[in-house]
Amino acid sequence: MLLCALLFALAPAEQPLDGFNCLGAGFFAILLMRELDGLFDPLAHDAWLYPFLTIAFVTVDNACRPSRRARILDSLVRCAATPAFASLASGFALLVFLACSAWALFGTRC
């Protein structure tokens, strides 16, 4: 959650990275929302979906404004060249692999 707040705080600070920071913050906010689905389950099954969609629409709308749209791909390439991105991508791939392995082994949903 702190990472999301920092990314949102950095989005307007650096002009070339503002759209990418907004997309990154939305990505982590959606991951957090999905992890906290146990708090929403007493309300209704899959109640996390509505805040999830709200975060996604607001994030994409903010990131894809005409003033930011042209710089998103360039900032993604700059970010992908950093060692931090390699760690993030490796951790995310490991998370997806372990979640899908648990689904195959134990019959849980992936």
Protein backbone atom coordinates (compact mmCIF):
# COMPACT_ATOMS: atom_id res chain seq x y z
CA MET A 1 0.00 0.00 0.00
CA LEU A 2 2.91 2.29 0.72
CA LEU A 3 4.32 1.51 -2.72
CA CYS A 4 1.03 2.54 -4.33
CA ALA A 5 1.00 5.80 -2.42
CA LEU A 6 4.59 6.54 -3.43
CA LEU A 7 3.91 5.80 -7.09
CA PHE A 8 0.86 8.05 -7.08
CA ALA A 9 2.89 10.75 -5.37
CA LEU A 10 5.66 10.47 -7.97
CA ALA A 11 3.32 10.46 -10.99
CA PRO A 12 3.02 14.25 -11.40
CA ALA A 13 6.62 14.92 -10.22
CA GLU A 14 8.58 13.65 -13.22
CA GLN A 15 7.12 14.61 -16.56
CA PRO A 16 8.47 11.69 -18.66
CA LEU A 17 7.36 9.03 -16.19
CA ASP A 18 4.00 10.35 -15.06
CA GLY A 19 1.82 8.02 -17.17
CA PHE A 20 3.88 4.95 -16.37
CA ASN A 21 3.89 5.77 -12.65
CA CYS A 22 0.12 6.07 -12.74
CA LEU A 23 -0.20 2.68 -14.45
CA GLY A 24 2.25 1.12 -11.98
CA ALA A 25 0.35 2.52 -9.02
CA GLY A 26 -2.92 1.22 -10.42
CA PHE A 27 -1.37 -2.22 -10.96
CA PHE A 28 -0.21 -2.45 -7.36
CA ALA A 29 -3.49 -1.06 -6.05
CA ILE A 30 -5.37 -3.77 -7.96
CA LEU A 31 -3.01 -6.44 -6.61
CA LEU A 32 -3.63 -5.15 -3.09
CA MET A 33 -7.39 -5.12 -3.66
CA ARG A 34 -7.28 -8.70 -4.90
CA GLU A 35 -5.24 -9.80 -1.89
CA LEU A 36 -7.73 -8.17 0.45
CA ASP A 37 -10.71 -9.98 -1.07
CA GLY A 38 -11.20 -11.80 2.23
CA LEU A 39 -12.34 -8.52 3.76
CA PHE A 40 -14.97 -8.09 1.04
CA ASP A 41 -16.26 -11.68 1.04
CA PRO A 42 -18.59 -11.14 4.03
CA LEU A 43 -20.40 -8.49 1.97
CA ALA A 44 -20.87 -10.66 -1.10
CA HIS A 45 -18.92 -13.17 -3.13
CA ASP A 46 -16.53 -11.31 -5.46
CA ALA A 47 -17.37 -7.94 -3.88
CA TRP A 48 -13.79 -6.86 -4.60
CA LEU A 49 -14.68 -6.66 -8.29
CA TYR A 50 -16.37 -3.24 -8.11
CA PRO A 51 -13.50 -1.37 -6.40
CA PHE A 52 -11.14 -3.29 -8.71
CA LEU A 53 -12.91 -2.00 -11.82
CA THR A 54 -13.07 1.53 -10.40
CA ILE A 55 -9.33 1.57 -9.76
CA ALA A 56 -8.65 0.16 -13.24
CA PHE A 57 -10.83 2.69 -15.06
CA VAL A 58 -9.49 5.68 -13.11
CA THR A 59 -5.89 4.55 -13.60
CA VAL A 60 -6.19 3.95 -17.33
CA ASP A 61 -8.08 7.23 -17.77
CA ASN A 62 -5.40 9.20 -15.94
CA ALA A 63 -2.50 7.45 -17.66
CA CYS A 64 -3.91 7.66 -21.18
CA ARG A 65 -4.66 11.35 -21.28
CA PRO A 66 -3.35 12.91 -24.48
CA SER A 67 -0.54 14.74 -22.67
CA ARG A 68 0.79 11.46 -21.18
CA ARG A 69 -0.07 8.89 -23.84
CA ALA A 70 2.99 9.38 -26.05
CA ARG A 71 5.47 8.94 -23.20
CA ILE A 72 4.13 5.71 -21.64
CA LEU A 73 6.01 3.28 -23.89
CA ASP A 74 9.30 5.19 -23.60
CA SER A 75 9.07 5.24 -19.82
CA LEU A 76 8.24 1.52 -19.76
CA VAL A 77 11.40 0.80 -21.76
CA ARG A 78 13.44 2.97 -19.37
CA CYS A 79 11.99 1.18 -16.36
CA ALA A 80 12.51 -2.28 -17.89
CA ALA A 81 16.24 -1.56 -18.16
CA THR A 82 16.65 -1.18 -14.38
CA PRO A 83 17.66 -3.99 -12.00
CA ALA A 84 14.58 -3.29 -9.88
CA PHE A 85 12.32 -4.23 -12.78
CA ALA A 86 14.11 -7.57 -13.17
CA SER A 87 13.47 -8.32 -9.49
CA LEU A 88 9.84 -7.26 -9.78
CA ALA A 89 9.23 -9.34 -12.91
CA SER A 90 10.95 -12.38 -11.37
CA GLY A 91 8.88 -12.11 -8.20
CA PHE A 92 5.66 -11.72 -10.14
CA ALA A 93 6.47 -14.69 -12.39
CA LEU A 94 7.27 -16.78 -9.31
CA LEU A 95 3.97 -15.76 -7.72
CA VAL A 96 1.99 -16.74 -10.81
CA PHE A 97 3.88 -20.02 -11.18
CA LEU A 98 3.34 -21.00 -7.54
CA ALA A 99 -0.34 -20.04 -7.64
CA CYS A 100 -0.93 -22.11 -10.78
CA SER A 101 1.11 -25.01 -9.34
CA ALA A 102 -1.09 -25.00 -6.26
CA TRP A 103 -4.10 -25.12 -8.56
CA ALA A 104 -2.73 -28.14 -10.38
CA LEU A 105 -1.68 -29.96 -7.22
CA PHE A 106 -4.49 -29.17 -4.83
CA GLY A 107 -7.40 -28.30 -7.13
CA THR A 108 -7.60 -24.67 -6.01
CA ARG A 109 -8.39 -21.88 -8.45
CA CYS A 110 -5.53 -20.19 -10.27
